[in-house]
């Protein structure tokens, strides 16, 4: 059976499984829609949390960044995993003790203010839509290659699947769907990693294979060979740091505290029966997450080695089939600058901006572009988001492995997209309608509002998937920065700082969000392209790391305003004690 047919079967069966779970676990109440009724087992919740958190950025893009950025990509590994530990220790148990539905719920009650709740909703929506753009982009990339569809149609199909099981099942349906999606994505990630590790090093454990010798009799380790190969081609060594120390520190910190402030991850801890179960599910989730995150560096290094061996100094006419397949959908581009019909891969920018195809083909059948410079030797560019997806093809693995990776990529993107859509719909129906503007709305009306808002959010998410502001992991990193600068400080101070009042919290969230969002827009949007340079960065910190500075701005504004405004009421102080000291204040 050919690879294309296997891909249709694998992806189709996974979709059937997700839809079947949604029908089986349809939400019949707001409690089931928002927090799955609060009856999810810690192991299942840990698995669902892992799937919710390990998005398309983790599955599709992170190893691609590692493949091309090398040492600098360690910020994603350190930031995302460290942030999850921070969330599990500092926030999750206390928020579960609070016992509400959403993050704005906590902020509205803790800061005794409808305005604080509304500001939290605005922060949540900005964060979630920034994050979801990367997920829908990931869906589009997977479909465009493996189902031979344009990226736009891939996004539309993904929207339809998410709409069905997110809108129908709510958190109850999403939870059990994410359990299935975790099983699919982790199996799809590990199987090709094991195969490729055996092919390159003879070691079946990818984590050990990364430090092992290449199985060619040379005795050279994988990293040493990759360093030498890249230096010979004019690149920096794979293990060499290229970012400044302050930028590495800022990005890592932003990703850590941003992880702890992500609303779609926090809400997962509201779905378990007891506070102790929240701690247990956090531990299980960390184990499930570690399976992928400890494998990603090996996958990235193997992918870069295989890519170079497959394309460099090879005739385009005899190039592997995957090169031309990905070229057809615009995610690989080759320009024959010296007209010799041979692919030269070397350091240097191959295009001025994004490749602009003319619609014509060249002498050797390649797609021609109008913006390729002729001043350097590099003739090929590969989109970083395809490295994990293309890895099995590059390594000549069986067709069923290629199909499995396709199903895993879709599962990773859809699992997080569904979680994000749910927190958006819950914040609109529960926090804006039920708790703010229409307190007398019936439960049935609230449930309908949640489903309508989820449907509207899917449409916006689809647009962002077609027009994302960057590659998948980069978009997601920006979302973490927004969470770090807006929600995390308000949640942390709400738990551990009884003197923080509503005026301070509101001032902090607004100032942190405005500062960080303004910085990101200034350096990432097309309207200010002239200043999109590291020479203009504040303190040398990139937009991916500016959330760390935004967090400091939030803390400073909140504490400053709180000192000069009315003190926190006694009832709220008791609420904080209740959350933090359950023995002294049984509930």
Protein backbone atom coordinates (compact mmCIF):
# COMPACT_ATOMS: atom_id res chain seq x y z
CA UNK A 1 0.00 0.00 0.00
CA UNK A 2 1.45 3.40 -0.97
CA UNK A 3 2.29 6.14 1.54
CA UNK A 4 -0.51 8.44 0.42
CA UNK A 5 -3.17 5.80 0.98
CA UNK A 6 -1.72 4.91 4.38
CA UNK A 7 -1.77 8.58 5.34
CA UNK A 8 -5.45 8.90 4.48
CA UNK A 9 -6.18 5.77 6.52
CA UNK A 10 -4.17 6.81 9.59
CA UNK A 11 -5.45 10.39 9.67
CA UNK A 12 -9.02 9.28 8.87
CA UNK A 13 -9.03 6.68 11.66
CA UNK A 14 -7.69 9.22 14.15
CA UNK A 15 -10.42 11.68 13.18
CA UNK A 16 -13.06 8.98 13.54
CA UNK A 17 -11.71 8.21 17.02
CA UNK A 18 -11.84 11.87 18.10
CA UNK A 19 -15.35 12.38 16.78
CA UNK A 20 -16.54 9.13 18.35
CA UNK A 21 -15.20 10.22 21.74
CA UNK A 22 -16.92 13.60 21.37
CA UNK A 23 -20.28 11.93 20.71
CA UNK A 24 -19.78 9.50 23.62
CA UNK A 25 -18.81 12.24 26.08
CA UNK A 26 -21.14 15.03 25.03
CA UNK A 27 -21.43 17.75 27.67
CA UNK A 28 -24.91 18.14 29.13
CA UNK A 29 -24.21 20.91 31.66
CA UNK A 30 -21.98 23.96 32.07
CA UNK A 31 -19.90 22.08 34.65
CA UNK A 32 -19.19 19.31 32.15
CA UNK A 33 -18.57 21.85 29.38
CA UNK A 34 -16.13 23.97 31.41
CA UNK A 35 -14.33 21.48 33.71
CA UNK A 36 -15.58 18.00 32.67
CA UNK A 37 -17.69 17.85 35.83
CA UNK A 38 -14.53 17.80 37.98
CA UNK A 39 -14.32 13.99 37.89
CA UNK A 40 -11.31 13.24 35.67
CA UNK A 41 -8.81 10.67 37.00
CA UNK A 42 -5.32 12.13 37.67
CA UNK A 43 -3.61 9.79 35.17
CA UNK A 44 -6.09 10.67 32.43
CA UNK A 45 -5.83 14.34 33.34
CA UNK A 46 -2.04 14.14 33.26
CA UNK A 47 -2.16 12.63 29.79
CA UNK A 48 -4.72 15.19 28.60
CA UNK A 49 -2.64 18.01 30.10
CA UNK A 50 0.44 16.76 28.28
CA UNK A 51 -1.45 16.69 24.97
CA UNK A 52 -2.97 20.11 25.66
CA UNK A 53 0.42 21.60 26.43
CA UNK A 54 2.51 19.79 23.79
CA UNK A 55 1.15 21.65 20.84
CA UNK A 56 2.16 21.82 17.20
CA UNK A 57 5.10 23.90 18.40
CA UNK A 58 6.39 20.96 20.46
CA UNK A 59 5.64 18.24 17.92
CA UNK A 60 6.24 19.97 14.61
CA UNK A 61 8.39 23.02 15.13
CA UNK A 62 10.60 22.62 18.19
CA UNK A 63 12.84 19.94 16.69
CA UNK A 64 12.98 22.05 13.51
CA UNK A 65 14.26 24.99 15.52
CA UNK A 66 16.80 22.73 17.24
CA UNK A 67 17.90 21.43 13.83
CA UNK A 68 18.68 24.91 12.53
CA UNK A 69 19.43 26.93 15.68
CA UNK A 70 21.34 24.26 17.59
CA UNK A 71 22.41 25.36 21.07
CA UNK A 72 20.26 28.50 20.99
CA UNK A 73 17.12 26.37 20.79
CA UNK A 74 17.82 25.09 24.30
CA UNK A 75 15.78 28.05 25.55
CA UNK A 76 12.62 26.27 24.42
CA UNK A 77 13.53 23.05 26.22
CA UNK A 78 14.51 24.82 29.44
CA UNK A 79 11.73 27.37 29.39
CA UNK A 80 8.80 25.12 28.59
CA UNK A 81 9.74 22.24 30.88
CA UNK A 82 10.87 24.52 33.72
CA UNK A 83 7.67 26.50 33.39
CA UNK A 84 5.59 23.41 33.82
CA UNK A 85 7.37 22.61 37.10
CA UNK A 86 6.70 26.20 38.19
CA UNK A 87 3.02 25.80 37.38
CA UNK A 88 2.74 22.48 39.20
CA UNK A 89 4.41 23.73 42.38
CA UNK A 90 3.25 27.33 42.68
CA UNK A 91 -0.17 27.65 41.08
CA UNK A 92 -2.06 24.47 40.21
CA UNK A 93 -2.96 23.15 43.71
CA UNK A 94 -4.05 26.56 44.97
CA UNK A 95 -6.20 27.31 41.95
CA UNK A 96 -7.84 23.90 42.30
CA UNK A 97 -8.53 24.70 45.96
CA UNK A 98 -10.23 27.89 44.81
CA UNK A 99 -12.64 25.66 42.89
CA UNK A 100 -13.94 27.83 40.04
CA UNK A 101 -14.22 27.36 36.28
CA UNK A 102 -11.74 29.78 34.68
CA UNK A 103 -8.68 31.95 35.27
CA UNK A 104 -10.73 35.19 34.96
CA UNK A 105 -13.04 33.63 37.57
CA UNK A 106 -10.16 33.50 40.02
CA UNK A 107 -8.99 37.01 39.19
CA UNK A 108 -12.53 38.46 39.38
CA UNK A 109 -13.21 36.91 42.80
CA UNK A 110 -9.73 37.41 44.26
CA UNK A 111 -9.60 41.05 43.23
CA UNK A 112 -13.32 41.65 44.01
CA UNK A 113 -13.84 43.45 40.72
CA UNK A 114 -15.81 43.00 37.52
CA UNK A 115 -13.31 45.24 35.77
CA UNK A 116 -10.44 42.99 36.84
CA UNK A 117 -12.38 40.03 35.44
CA UNK A 118 -12.91 41.83 32.12
CA UNK A 119 -9.23 42.80 31.87
CA UNK A 120 -8.30 39.16 32.54
CA UNK A 121 -10.66 38.05 29.77
CA UNK A 122 -9.04 40.49 27.34
CA UNK A 123 -5.58 39.20 28.30
CA UNK A 124 -6.77 35.60 27.90
CA UNK A 125 -8.24 36.22 24.47
CA UNK A 126 -5.10 37.98 23.18
CA UNK A 127 -2.88 35.17 24.50
CA UNK A 128 -5.11 32.39 23.21
CA UNK A 129 -5.56 33.76 19.71
CA UNK A 130 -1.82 34.38 19.38
CA UNK A 131 -1.19 30.81 20.50
CA UNK A 132 -3.88 29.25 18.34
CA UNK A 133 -2.46 30.85 15.20
CA UNK A 134 0.50 28.49 15.50
CA UNK A 135 -1.72 25.46 15.99
CA UNK A 136 -3.86 26.09 12.93
CA UNK A 137 -0.73 26.83 10.91
CA UNK A 138 0.58 23.42 12.00
CA UNK A 139 -2.63 21.74 10.86
CA UNK A 140 -2.33 23.48 7.50
CA UNK A 141 1.29 22.36 7.04
CA UNK A 142 0.43 18.73 7.78
CA UNK A 143 -2.58 18.62 5.48
CA UNK A 144 -0.89 20.51 2.67
CA UNK A 145 1.84 17.90 2.45
CA UNK A 146 0.32 14.58 3.38
CA UNK A 147 -3.17 15.05 1.98
CA UNK A 148 -1.89 17.11 -0.98
CA UNK A 149 -4.06 20.10 -0.21
CA UNK A 150 -3.33 23.83 -0.11
CA UNK A 151 -2.49 25.08 3.39
CA UNK A 152 -5.72 27.10 3.42
CA UNK A 153 -7.86 24.01 2.87
CA UNK A 154 -5.88 22.11 5.48
CA UNK A 155 -6.74 24.80 8.00
CA UNK A 156 -10.42 24.64 7.04
CA UNK A 157 -10.55 20.87 7.58
CA UNK A 158 -8.83 21.27 10.94
CA UNK A 159 -11.37 23.93 11.91
CA UNK A 160 -14.21 21.56 11.10
CA UNK A 161 -12.84 18.71 13.21
CA UNK A 162 -12.12 20.95 16.21
CA UNK A 163 -15.54 22.56 15.88
CA UNK A 164 -17.23 19.21 16.12
CA UNK A 165 -15.61 17.78 19.22
CA UNK A 166 -14.90 21.05 21.07
CA UNK A 167 -18.33 22.56 20.60
CA UNK A 168 -20.20 19.30 21.17
CA UNK A 169 -18.21 17.81 24.02
CA UNK A 170 -16.75 20.84 25.78
CA UNK A 171 -14.06 20.09 28.36
CA UNK A 172 -15.50 16.63 28.94
CA UNK A 173 -15.16 15.68 25.28
CA UNK A 174 -11.84 17.50 24.89
CA UNK A 175 -10.32 15.75 27.92
CA UNK A 176 -10.91 12.22 26.66
CA UNK A 177 -10.10 13.22 23.10
CA UNK A 178 -6.78 14.62 24.33
CA UNK A 179 -5.99 11.33 26.05
CA UNK A 180 -6.32 9.62 22.67
CA UNK A 181 -4.38 12.41 20.97
CA UNK A 182 -1.51 12.06 23.41
CA UNK A 183 -1.23 8.35 22.65
CA UNK A 184 -1.20 9.10 18.92
CA UNK A 185 1.29 11.97 19.04
CA UNK A 186 3.82 10.37 21.40
CA UNK A 187 3.82 7.11 19.44
CA UNK A 188 4.19 9.06 16.21
CA UNK A 189 7.11 11.05 17.63
CA UNK A 190 9.04 8.19 19.23
CA UNK A 191 8.75 5.52 16.52
CA UNK A 192 10.65 7.43 13.78
CA UNK A 193 13.11 8.76 16.38
CA UNK A 194 13.98 5.20 17.37
CA UNK A 195 14.30 4.10 13.73
CA UNK A 196 16.56 7.04 12.82
CA UNK A 197 18.70 6.65 15.94
CA UNK A 198 19.34 3.03 14.99
CA UNK A 199 20.20 4.01 11.41
CA UNK A 200 22.65 6.74 12.42
CA UNK A 201 24.20 5.38 15.61
CA UNK A 202 23.01 1.80 16.07
CA UNK A 203 21.53 2.83 19.43
CA UNK A 204 17.73 2.40 19.70
CA UNK A 205 17.39 5.05 22.44
CA UNK A 206 17.40 8.52 20.79
CA UNK A 207 18.39 10.28 24.00
CA UNK A 208 21.54 8.13 24.15
CA UNK A 209 22.04 8.19 20.40
CA UNK A 210 22.54 11.95 20.47
CA UNK A 211 25.78 11.48 22.40
CA UNK A 212 26.85 8.26 20.69
CA UNK A 213 29.28 7.73 17.83
CA UNK A 214 28.05 7.69 14.24
CA UNK A 215 27.72 4.12 12.97
CA UNK A 216 30.16 4.60 10.07
CA UNK A 217 33.28 3.30 11.79
CA UNK A 218 34.81 6.76 12.18
CA UNK A 219 34.34 6.89 15.94
CA UNK A 220 33.11 10.50 15.67
CA UNK A 221 30.10 11.43 17.82
CA UNK A 222 26.89 12.72 16.27
CA UNK A 223 27.38 16.23 17.62
CA UNK A 224 31.04 16.38 16.60
CA UNK A 225 30.20 15.29 13.06
CA UNK A 226 27.35 17.79 12.84
CA UNK A 227 29.59 20.60 14.11
CA UNK A 228 32.29 19.77 11.59
CA UNK A 229 29.82 19.45 8.71
CA UNK A 230 28.16 22.78 9.42
CA UNK A 231 31.47 24.63 9.85
CA UNK A 232 32.69 23.22 6.51
CA UNK A 233 29.54 24.64 4.87
CA UNK A 234 30.08 28.08 6.41
CA UNK A 235 27.56 27.82 9.24
CA UNK A 236 28.24 28.25 12.95
CA UNK A 237 28.82 25.05 14.90
CA UNK A 238 25.67 23.30 16.08
CA UNK A 239 26.81 23.44 19.73
CA UNK A 240 27.87 27.11 19.56
CA UNK A 241 25.75 29.81 21.22
CA UNK A 242 24.81 32.62 18.85
CA UNK A 243 22.28 34.52 20.97
CA UNK A 244 23.47 36.90 23.67
CA UNK A 245 23.32 35.71 27.26
CA UNK A 246 20.73 38.29 28.22
CA UNK A 247 18.44 37.24 25.36
CA UNK A 248 18.79 33.55 26.26
CA UNK A 249 17.98 34.37 29.88
CA UNK A 250 15.00 36.57 28.93
CA UNK A 251 13.47 34.05 26.51
CA UNK A 252 13.90 31.19 29.00
CA UNK A 253 12.30 33.23 31.79
CA UNK A 254 9.46 34.41 29.57
CA UNK A 255 8.71 30.84 28.49
CA UNK A 256 8.85 29.58 32.09
CA UNK A 257 6.50 32.11 33.64
CA UNK A 258 4.42 32.19 30.48
CA UNK A 259 3.83 28.44 30.80
CA UNK A 260 2.68 28.97 34.39
CA UNK A 261 0.25 31.65 33.21
CA UNK A 262 -1.32 29.83 30.25
CA UNK A 263 -5.07 29.69 30.88
CA UNK A 264 -5.76 26.57 28.80
CA UNK A 265 -3.19 24.61 30.85
CA UNK A 266 -4.29 26.00 34.22
CA UNK A 267 -7.93 25.07 33.60
CA UNK A 268 -6.92 21.42 33.28
CA UNK A 269 -6.30 21.33 37.03
CA UNK A 270 -9.92 22.33 37.67
CA UNK A 271 -11.11 19.04 36.19
CA UNK A 272 -9.89 16.67 38.94
CA UNK A 273 -11.93 15.84 42.08
CA UNK A 274 -9.46 16.95 44.80
CA UNK A 275 -6.47 19.24 45.40
CA UNK A 276 -4.24 16.19 45.90
CA UNK A 277 -5.35 14.95 42.49
CA UNK A 278 -4.20 18.25 40.96
CA UNK A 279 -0.70 17.58 42.32
CA UNK A 280 -0.75 13.98 41.10
CA UNK A 281 -1.95 14.90 37.60
CA UNK A 282 0.81 17.52 37.40
CA UNK A 283 3.38 14.83 38.19
CA UNK A 284 1.95 12.40 35.64
CA UNK A 285 1.84 15.12 33.00
CA UNK A 286 5.50 15.95 33.58
CA UNK A 287 6.45 12.32 32.97
CA UNK A 288 4.36 12.18 29.78
CA UNK A 289 5.85 15.49 28.57
CA UNK A 290 9.42 14.35 29.30
CA UNK A 291 9.06 11.48 26.82
CA UNK A 292 8.87 13.95 23.95
CA UNK A 293 11.06 16.73 25.29
CA UNK A 294 14.06 14.52 26.02
CA UNK A 295 13.76 13.08 22.51
CA UNK A 296 13.50 16.41 20.64
CA UNK A 297 17.24 17.34 20.70
CA UNK A 298 18.14 14.00 19.10
CA UNK A 299 15.40 14.37 16.48
CA UNK A 300 16.64 17.86 15.60
CA UNK A 301 20.28 16.84 15.29
CA UNK A 302 19.49 13.70 13.27
CA UNK A 303 17.22 15.72 10.96
CA UNK A 304 19.92 18.29 10.17
CA UNK A 305 22.51 15.60 9.44
CA UNK A 306 20.14 13.65 7.21
CA UNK A 307 19.02 16.80 5.40
CA UNK A 308 22.58 17.81 4.53
CA UNK A 309 23.51 14.30 3.43
CA UNK A 310 20.38 14.06 1.27
CA UNK A 311 20.57 17.35 -0.63
CA UNK A 312 24.00 18.97 -0.58
CA UNK A 313 25.98 18.57 -3.79
CA UNK A 314 23.26 16.33 -5.23
CA UNK A 315 21.87 16.73 -8.72
CA UNK A 316 18.41 18.29 -8.63
CA UNK A 317 17.27 15.80 -11.28
CA UNK A 318 18.27 12.95 -8.97
CA UNK A 319 17.15 14.65 -5.75
CA UNK A 320 14.99 12.60 -3.36
CA UNK A 321 11.28 12.67 -4.13
CA UNK A 322 10.47 14.48 -0.86
CA UNK A 323 12.42 17.56 -2.00
CA UNK A 324 10.16 18.09 -5.00
CA UNK A 325 7.02 17.16 -3.06
CA UNK A 326 7.64 19.80 -0.40
CA UNK A 327 8.73 22.21 -3.13
CA UNK A 328 5.34 21.85 -4.78
CA UNK A 329 3.62 23.31 -1.70
CA UNK A 330 6.20 26.06 -1.25
CA UNK A 331 7.94 24.84 1.91
CA UNK A 332 11.22 24.00 0.16
CA UNK A 333 12.69 26.20 -2.55
CA UNK A 334 15.75 25.72 -4.73
CA UNK A 335 17.28 28.32 -7.04
CA UNK A 336 20.03 27.17 -9.40
CA UNK A 337 22.21 30.28 -9.13
CA UNK A 338 25.18 28.91 -11.10
CA UNK A 339 23.07 26.92 -13.58
CA UNK A 340 24.90 23.65 -12.94
CA UNK A 341 21.85 21.62 -11.94
CA UNK A 342 23.42 20.73 -8.57
CA UNK A 343 22.02 21.74 -5.19
CA UNK A 344 24.46 23.82 -3.15
CA UNK A 345 23.58 24.18 0.54
CA UNK A 346 25.65 26.72 2.44
CA UNK A 347 25.42 29.64 4.84
CA UNK A 348 23.72 32.79 3.59
CA UNK A 349 20.24 34.10 3.01
CA UNK A 350 18.75 32.47 -0.08
CA UNK A 351 15.89 34.97 -0.47
CA UNK A 352 14.99 38.54 0.25
CA UNK A 353 12.04 37.85 2.52
CA UNK A 354 9.64 35.02 1.73
CA UNK A 355 10.15 33.20 -1.57
CA UNK A 356 8.01 34.78 -4.29
CA UNK A 357 7.19 32.25 -7.01
CA UNK A 358 6.79 33.51 -10.54
CA UNK A 359 4.67 30.56 -11.68
CA UNK A 360 7.38 29.45 -14.14
CA UNK A 361 9.79 26.54 -14.01
CA UNK A 362 13.51 26.64 -14.61
CA UNK A 363 15.88 24.68 -16.81
CA UNK A 364 15.79 21.67 -14.49
CA UNK A 365 12.10 21.86 -13.59
CA UNK A 366 12.54 23.86 -10.39
CA UNK A 367 10.03 26.52 -9.39
CA UNK A 368 11.42 29.96 -10.17
CA UNK A 369 11.38 32.86 -7.69
CA UNK A 370 11.79 36.56 -8.34
CA UNK A 371 13.63 37.53 -5.16
CA UNK A 372 16.68 35.25 -4.96
CA UNK A 373 20.00 37.09 -4.51
CA UNK A 374 23.08 35.95 -6.40
CA UNK A 375 25.71 37.11 -3.89
CA UNK A 376 26.09 33.90 -1.85
CA UNK A 377 26.38 30.19 -2.43
CA UNK A 378 23.22 28.98 -0.74
CA UNK A 379 20.63 27.74 -3.22
CA UNK A 380 18.05 26.00 -1.04
CA UNK A 381 15.83 26.97 1.85
CA UNK A 382 13.66 24.67 3.94
CA UNK A 383 10.80 25.76 6.18
CA UNK A 384 11.70 24.77 9.75
CA UNK A 385 8.17 23.56 10.41
CA UNK A 386 8.59 20.61 8.05
CA UNK A 387 11.66 18.96 9.59
CA UNK A 388 9.85 16.54 11.90
CA UNK A 389 7.22 15.80 9.25
CA UNK A 390 9.82 15.24 6.54
CA UNK A 391 12.26 13.35 8.79
CA UNK A 392 10.89 9.85 8.02
CA UNK A 393 11.02 10.55 4.28
CA UNK A 394 14.54 11.97 4.51
CA UNK A 395 15.65 8.81 6.34
CA UNK A 396 13.80 6.54 3.87
CA UNK A 397 11.61 4.99 6.55
CA UNK A 398 8.57 2.84 5.63
CA UNK A 399 5.40 4.51 4.40
CA UNK A 400 3.43 3.59 7.52
CA UNK A 401 5.89 5.61 9.64
CA UNK A 402 5.36 8.65 7.40
CA UNK A 403 1.59 8.22 7.77
CA UNK A 404 1.92 7.84 11.54
CA UNK A 405 3.86 11.10 11.79
CA UNK A 406 1.14 12.86 9.80
CA UNK A 407 -1.51 11.64 12.24
CA UNK A 408 0.68 12.67 15.17
CA UNK A 409 1.22 16.18 13.83
CA UNK A 410 -2.50 16.69 13.38
CA UNK A 411 -3.18 15.31 16.87
CA UNK A 412 -0.66 17.69 18.47
CA UNK A 413 -2.09 20.75 16.75
CA UNK A 414 -5.75 19.86 17.27
CA UNK A 415 -5.36 18.96 20.96
CA UNK A 416 -4.03 22.38 21.89
CA UNK A 417 -6.34 24.23 19.51
CA UNK A 418 -9.34 22.60 21.18
CA UNK A 419 -8.12 23.55 24.67
CA UNK A 420 -7.54 27.14 23.61
CA UNK A 421 -10.94 27.42 21.97
CA UNK A 422 -12.57 26.14 25.12
CA UNK A 423 -10.98 28.72 27.41
CA UNK A 424 -11.94 31.46 24.94
CA UNK A 425 -15.57 30.31 24.85
CA UNK A 426 -15.68 29.84 28.63
CA UNK A 427 -14.29 33.29 29.26
CA UNK A 428 -16.94 34.84 27.01
CA UNK A 429 -19.97 32.83 28.14
CA UNK A 430 -19.10 32.44 31.82
CA UNK A 431 -16.99 35.46 32.74
CA UNK A 432 -18.46 38.12 30.45
CA UNK A 433 -22.08 36.96 30.26
CA UNK A 434 -22.85 34.99 33.43
CA UNK A 435 -20.60 36.85 35.86
CA UNK A 436 -20.67 40.36 34.36
CA UNK A 437 -23.33 41.44 31.87
CA UNK A 438 -26.15 38.86 32.16
CA UNK A 439 -26.07 37.32 35.65
CA UNK A 440 -29.63 35.96 35.27
CA UNK A 441 -28.86 33.90 32.17
CA UNK A 442 -30.04 30.28 32.47
CA UNK A 443 -27.63 27.36 32.43
CA UNK A 444 -29.02 26.31 29.08
CA UNK A 445 -28.50 29.81 27.71
CA UNK A 446 -24.96 29.92 29.08
CA UNK A 447 -24.16 26.56 27.48
CA UNK A 448 -25.51 27.77 24.14
CA UNK A 449 -23.48 30.98 24.44
CA UNK A 450 -20.36 28.91 25.13
CA UNK A 451 -20.90 26.88 21.97
CA UNK A 452 -21.64 29.92 19.81
CA UNK A 453 -18.56 31.74 21.08
CA UNK A 454 -16.45 28.62 20.44
CA UNK A 455 -17.73 28.54 16.86
CA UNK A 456 -16.87 32.22 16.36
CA UNK A 457 -13.43 31.67 17.88
CA UNK A 458 -12.77 28.84 15.43
CA UNK A 459 -13.40 31.18 12.49
CA UNK A 460 -10.92 33.73 13.85
CA UNK A 461 -8.43 30.95 14.58
CA UNK A 462 -8.72 29.71 11.00
CA UNK A 463 -7.91 33.16 9.65
CA UNK A 464 -4.85 33.38 11.89
CA UNK A 465 -3.80 29.90 10.78
CA UNK A 466 -3.80 31.03 7.15
CA UNK A 467 -2.05 34.32 7.99
CA UNK A 468 0.24 33.60 10.98
CA UNK A 469 2.88 36.15 12.08
CA UNK A 470 5.73 33.62 11.91
CA UNK A 471 6.65 29.95 11.99
CA UNK A 472 4.82 27.80 14.52
CA UNK A 473 7.14 27.79 17.52
CA UNK A 474 7.93 31.48 17.12
CA UNK A 475 4.23 32.40 17.22
CA UNK A 476 3.75 30.23 20.29
CA UNK A 477 6.75 31.82 22.02
CA UNK A 478 5.10 35.21 21.59
CA UNK A 479 1.96 33.89 23.28
CA UNK A 480 4.02 32.72 26.25
CA UNK A 481 5.52 36.20 26.54
CA UNK A 482 2.05 37.73 26.63
CA UNK A 483 0.97 35.29 29.36
CA UNK A 484 4.13 36.03 31.36
CA UNK A 485 3.53 39.77 31.28
CA UNK A 486 -0.20 39.80 31.97
CA UNK A 487 -1.83 36.86 33.79
CA UNK A 488 1.05 35.20 35.65
CA UNK A 489 1.87 38.12 37.98
CA UNK A 490 -1.82 38.65 38.80
CA UNK A 491 -2.32 34.97 39.63
CA UNK A 492 0.91 34.68 41.64
CA UNK A 493 0.24 37.81 43.70
CA UNK A 494 -3.37 36.74 44.12
CA UNK A 495 -2.20 33.58 45.88
CA UNK A 496 0.84 34.76 47.82
CA UNK A 497 0.42 38.52 48.36
CA UNK A 498 -2.64 39.44 50.42
CA UNK A 499 -1.91 43.16 50.15
CA UNK A 500 -2.40 43.17 46.37
CA UNK A 501 -5.68 44.95 45.67
CA UNK A 502 -7.89 45.31 42.62
CA UNK A 503 -6.42 48.63 41.48
CA UNK A 504 -2.90 47.24 41.57
CA UNK A 505 -3.82 44.03 39.76
CA UNK A 506 -5.67 45.88 37.01
CA UNK A 507 -2.83 48.38 36.55
CA UNK A 508 -0.30 45.55 36.41
CA UNK A 509 -2.19 43.45 33.84
CA UNK A 510 -2.90 46.41 31.57
CA UNK A 511 0.64 47.82 31.69
CA UNK A 512 2.30 44.42 31.22
CA UNK A 513 0.06 43.46 28.31
CA UNK A 514 0.28 46.83 26.55
CA UNK A 515 4.06 46.99 26.89
CA UNK A 516 4.67 43.45 25.66
CA UNK A 517 2.08 43.48 22.89
CA UNK A 518 3.32 46.87 21.68
CA UNK A 519 6.91 45.62 21.56
CA UNK A 520 5.91 42.48 19.66
CA UNK A 521 3.79 44.39 17.14
CA UNK A 522 6.54 46.96 16.66
CA UNK A 523 9.16 44.36 15.77
CA UNK A 524 7.03 41.64 14.19
CA UNK A 525 4.34 43.40 12.19
CA UNK A 526 4.86 44.36 8.52
CA UNK A 527 4.02 48.01 9.33
CA UNK A 528 7.34 48.51 11.14
CA UNK A 529 9.57 46.29 9.05
CA UNK A 530 12.31 48.90 8.87
CA UNK A 531 13.12 48.43 12.57
CA UNK A 532 12.93 44.63 12.61
CA UNK A 533 16.56 44.36 13.67
CA UNK A 534 18.42 43.30 16.79
CA UNK A 535 20.12 46.70 16.75
CA UNK A 536 16.88 48.26 17.98
CA UNK A 537 15.95 45.71 20.66
CA UNK A 538 15.52 47.00 24.21
CA UNK A 539 18.51 45.78 26.28
CA UNK A 540 19.27 43.41 23.41
CA UNK A 541 16.15 41.34 24.18
CA UNK A 542 14.21 39.84 21.26
CA UNK A 543 10.40 39.92 20.96
CA UNK A 544 10.35 36.25 22.03
CA UNK A 545 11.92 37.22 25.36
CA UNK A 546 10.36 40.60 26.03
CA UNK A 547 7.64 38.98 28.15
CA UNK A 548 10.23 38.74 30.94
CA UNK A 549 10.57 42.53 30.94
CA UNK A 550 6.78 42.87 30.63
CA UNK A 551 6.43 40.73 33.75
CA UNK A 552 8.70 43.14 35.67
CA UNK A 553 6.65 46.06 34.37
CA UNK A 554 3.49 44.28 35.60
CA UNK A 555 4.89 43.64 39.08
CA UNK A 556 6.22 47.19 39.38
CA UNK A 557 2.98 48.83 38.28
CA UNK A 558 0.83 46.57 40.46
CA UNK A 559 2.88 47.02 43.63
CA UNK A 560 3.25 50.77 43.04
CA UNK A 561 -0.47 51.35 42.53
CA UNK A 562 -1.44 49.05 45.42
CA UNK A 563 0.65 51.08 47.86
CA UNK A 564 -1.31 54.24 47.18
CA UNK A 565 -4.85 52.86 46.93
CA UNK A 566 -7.37 51.32 49.32
CA UNK A 567 -6.27 48.17 51.16
CA UNK A 568 -7.58 44.70 50.34
CA UNK A 569 -10.84 43.90 52.24
CA UNK A 570 -10.68 41.47 55.17
CA UNK A 571 -12.97 38.98 53.40
CA UNK A 572 -10.51 38.74 50.49
CA UNK A 573 -7.60 38.27 52.88
CA UNK A 574 -9.49 35.37 54.44
CA UNK A 575 -10.11 33.98 50.95
CA UNK A 576 -6.35 33.98 50.29
CA UNK A 577 -5.75 32.20 53.61
CA UNK A 578 -8.43 29.69 52.68
CA UNK A 579 -6.68 28.91 49.40
CA UNK A 580 -3.21 28.60 50.91
CA UNK A 581 -3.91 27.03 54.32
CA UNK A 582 -6.75 24.50 54.05
CA UNK A 583 -6.11 23.01 57.51
CA UNK A 584 -6.56 26.32 59.25
CA UNK A 585 -9.53 27.22 57.07
CA UNK A 586 -11.37 23.99 56.15
CA UNK A 587 -13.66 24.24 53.18
